[in-house]
């Protein structure tokens, strides 16, 4: 972590753009979200299938 509070607040432009696009998709109903517990279960299942 950065001790300089001014430096800690800087977000790269590309990251702001990606977050903006994701937020627009979410608001438009294009981006699908799922509860964290469901996502963890899905990740575990995929990990088991890959091995």
N, C-alpha and C. Protein backbone atom coordinates (compact mmCIF):
# COMPACT_ATOMS: atom_id res chain seq x y z
N UNK A 1 0.83 -1.18 0.00
CA UNK A 1 0.00 0.00 0.00
C UNK A 1 0.88 1.24 0.00
N UNK A 2 0.34 2.26 -0.50
CA UNK A 2 1.06 3.52 -0.59
C UNK A 2 0.72 4.38 0.63
N UNK A 3 1.74 4.92 1.28
CA UNK A 3 1.51 5.78 2.43
C UNK A 3 1.06 7.17 2.03
N UNK A 4 1.39 7.56 0.81
CA UNK A 4 1.02 8.89 0.31
C UNK A 4 -0.45 8.83 -0.13
N UNK A 5 -1.32 9.52 0.60
CA UNK A 5 -2.75 9.43 0.31
C UNK A 5 -3.10 9.92 -1.09
N UNK A 6 -2.33 10.87 -1.64
CA UNK A 6 -2.59 11.34 -3.00
C UNK A 6 -2.32 10.24 -4.00
N UNK A 7 -1.25 9.51 -3.82
CA UNK A 7 -0.88 8.42 -4.72
C UNK A 7 -1.85 7.24 -4.58
N UNK A 8 -2.38 7.02 -3.39
CA UNK A 8 -3.27 5.89 -3.15
C UNK A 8 -4.59 6.05 -3.90
N UNK A 9 -4.96 7.27 -4.27
CA UNK A 9 -6.24 7.52 -4.91
C UNK A 9 -6.18 7.45 -6.44
N UNK A 10 -5.00 7.29 -6.99
CA UNK A 10 -4.85 7.29 -8.45
C UNK A 10 -5.30 5.95 -9.02
N UNK A 11 -6.20 6.00 -9.97
CA UNK A 11 -6.66 4.81 -10.68
C UNK A 11 -6.29 5.00 -12.14
N UNK A 12 -5.62 4.01 -12.74
CA UNK A 12 -5.24 4.16 -14.15
C UNK A 12 -6.45 4.40 -15.04
N UNK A 13 -6.26 5.18 -16.08
CA UNK A 13 -7.34 5.51 -17.01
C UNK A 13 -7.98 4.27 -17.59
N UNK A 14 -7.14 3.30 -18.01
CA UNK A 14 -7.69 2.08 -18.62
C UNK A 14 -8.61 1.35 -17.64
N UNK A 15 -8.27 1.39 -16.34
CA UNK A 15 -9.09 0.70 -15.35
C UNK A 15 -10.42 1.43 -15.15
N UNK A 16 -10.39 2.75 -15.14
CA UNK A 16 -11.62 3.53 -15.05
C UNK A 16 -12.52 3.22 -16.24
N UNK A 17 -11.94 3.09 -17.43
CA UNK A 17 -12.73 2.80 -18.63
C UNK A 17 -13.38 1.43 -18.54
N UNK A 18 -12.61 0.43 -18.10
CA UNK A 18 -13.15 -0.92 -17.97
C UNK A 18 -14.28 -0.95 -16.95
N UNK A 19 -14.06 -0.31 -15.81
CA UNK A 19 -15.11 -0.27 -14.79
C UNK A 19 -16.35 0.45 -15.29
N UNK A 20 -16.17 1.53 -16.05
CA UNK A 20 -17.30 2.25 -16.62
C UNK A 20 -18.09 1.39 -17.59
N UNK A 21 -17.38 0.64 -18.43
CA UNK A 21 -18.04 -0.26 -19.38
C UNK A 21 -18.81 -1.35 -18.65
N UNK A 22 -18.20 -1.92 -17.62
CA UNK A 22 -18.87 -2.97 -16.87
C UNK A 22 -20.11 -2.44 -16.17
N UNK A 23 -20.02 -1.22 -15.62
CA UNK A 23 -21.17 -0.61 -14.95
C UNK A 23 -22.29 -0.34 -15.94
N UNK A 24 -21.96 0.14 -17.13
CA UNK A 24 -22.97 0.36 -18.17
C UNK A 24 -23.65 -0.95 -18.54
N UNK A 25 -22.87 -2.01 -18.71
CA UNK A 25 -23.43 -3.32 -19.04
C UNK A 25 -24.33 -3.82 -17.92
N UNK A 26 -23.92 -3.60 -16.69
CA UNK A 26 -24.72 -4.02 -15.55
C UNK A 26 -26.04 -3.27 -15.52
N UNK A 27 -25.99 -1.96 -15.70
CA UNK A 27 -27.21 -1.14 -15.69
C UNK A 27 -28.13 -1.47 -16.85
N UNK A 28 -27.57 -1.91 -17.98
CA UNK A 28 -28.37 -2.25 -19.15
C UNK A 28 -28.91 -3.68 -19.08
N UNK A 29 -28.52 -4.42 -18.05
CA UNK A 29 -28.98 -5.80 -17.90
C UNK A 29 -28.19 -6.78 -18.75
N UNK A 30 -27.09 -6.35 -19.33
CA UNK A 30 -26.26 -7.22 -20.16
C UNK A 30 -25.32 -8.05 -19.29
N UNK A 31 -24.75 -7.40 -18.30
CA UNK A 31 -23.81 -8.06 -17.38
C UNK A 31 -24.63 -8.82 -16.36
N UNK A 32 -24.31 -10.08 -16.19
CA UNK A 32 -25.04 -10.92 -15.25
C UNK A 32 -24.21 -11.09 -13.99
N UNK A 33 -24.83 -10.92 -12.85
CA UNK A 33 -24.15 -11.13 -11.57
C UNK A 33 -24.82 -12.28 -10.84
N UNK A 34 -24.05 -12.91 -9.99
CA UNK A 34 -24.60 -13.99 -9.19
C UNK A 34 -24.07 -13.85 -7.77
N UNK A 35 -24.80 -14.39 -6.82
CA UNK A 35 -24.35 -14.32 -5.43
C UNK A 35 -22.98 -15.00 -5.27
N UNK A 36 -22.17 -14.49 -4.36
CA UNK A 36 -20.81 -14.98 -4.17
C UNK A 36 -20.80 -16.48 -3.85
N UNK A 37 -21.72 -16.96 -3.05
CA UNK A 37 -21.74 -18.39 -2.71
C UNK A 37 -21.96 -19.24 -3.96
N UNK A 38 -22.85 -18.82 -4.85
CA UNK A 38 -23.08 -19.55 -6.10
C UNK A 38 -21.84 -19.51 -6.99
N UNK A 39 -21.21 -18.37 -7.05
CA UNK A 39 -20.00 -18.24 -7.87
C UNK A 39 -18.89 -19.15 -7.34
N UNK A 40 -18.71 -19.20 -6.03
CA UNK A 40 -17.68 -20.08 -5.45
C UNK A 40 -17.96 -21.54 -5.79
N UNK A 41 -19.22 -21.96 -5.68
CA UNK A 41 -19.58 -23.34 -6.02
C UNK A 41 -19.29 -23.64 -7.48
N UNK A 42 -19.60 -22.70 -8.35
CA UNK A 42 -19.36 -22.88 -9.78
C UNK A 42 -17.85 -22.99 -10.07
N UNK A 43 -17.07 -22.17 -9.41
CA UNK A 43 -15.61 -22.22 -9.58
C UNK A 43 -15.07 -23.56 -9.09
N UNK A 44 -15.54 -24.02 -7.94
CA UNK A 44 -15.09 -25.31 -7.41
C UNK A 44 -15.43 -26.44 -8.37
N UNK A 45 -16.64 -26.43 -8.91
CA UNK A 45 -17.04 -27.48 -9.84
C UNK A 45 -16.16 -27.48 -11.08
N UNK A 46 -15.88 -26.33 -11.62
CA UNK A 46 -15.03 -26.24 -12.81
C UNK A 46 -13.60 -26.69 -12.50
N UNK A 47 -13.12 -26.37 -11.31
CA UNK A 47 -11.77 -26.79 -10.92
C UNK A 47 -11.68 -28.31 -10.82
N UNK A 48 -12.69 -28.92 -10.27
CA UNK A 48 -12.70 -30.38 -10.15
C UNK A 48 -12.77 -31.05 -11.51
N UNK A 49 -13.53 -30.47 -12.43
CA UNK A 49 -13.65 -31.04 -13.77
C UNK A 49 -12.35 -30.93 -14.55
N UNK A 50 -11.56 -29.91 -14.26
CA UNK A 50 -10.32 -29.67 -15.00
C UNK A 50 -9.21 -30.63 -14.57
N UNK A 51 -9.35 -31.25 -13.39
CA UNK A 51 -8.28 -32.13 -12.91
C UNK A 51 -8.52 -33.56 -13.25
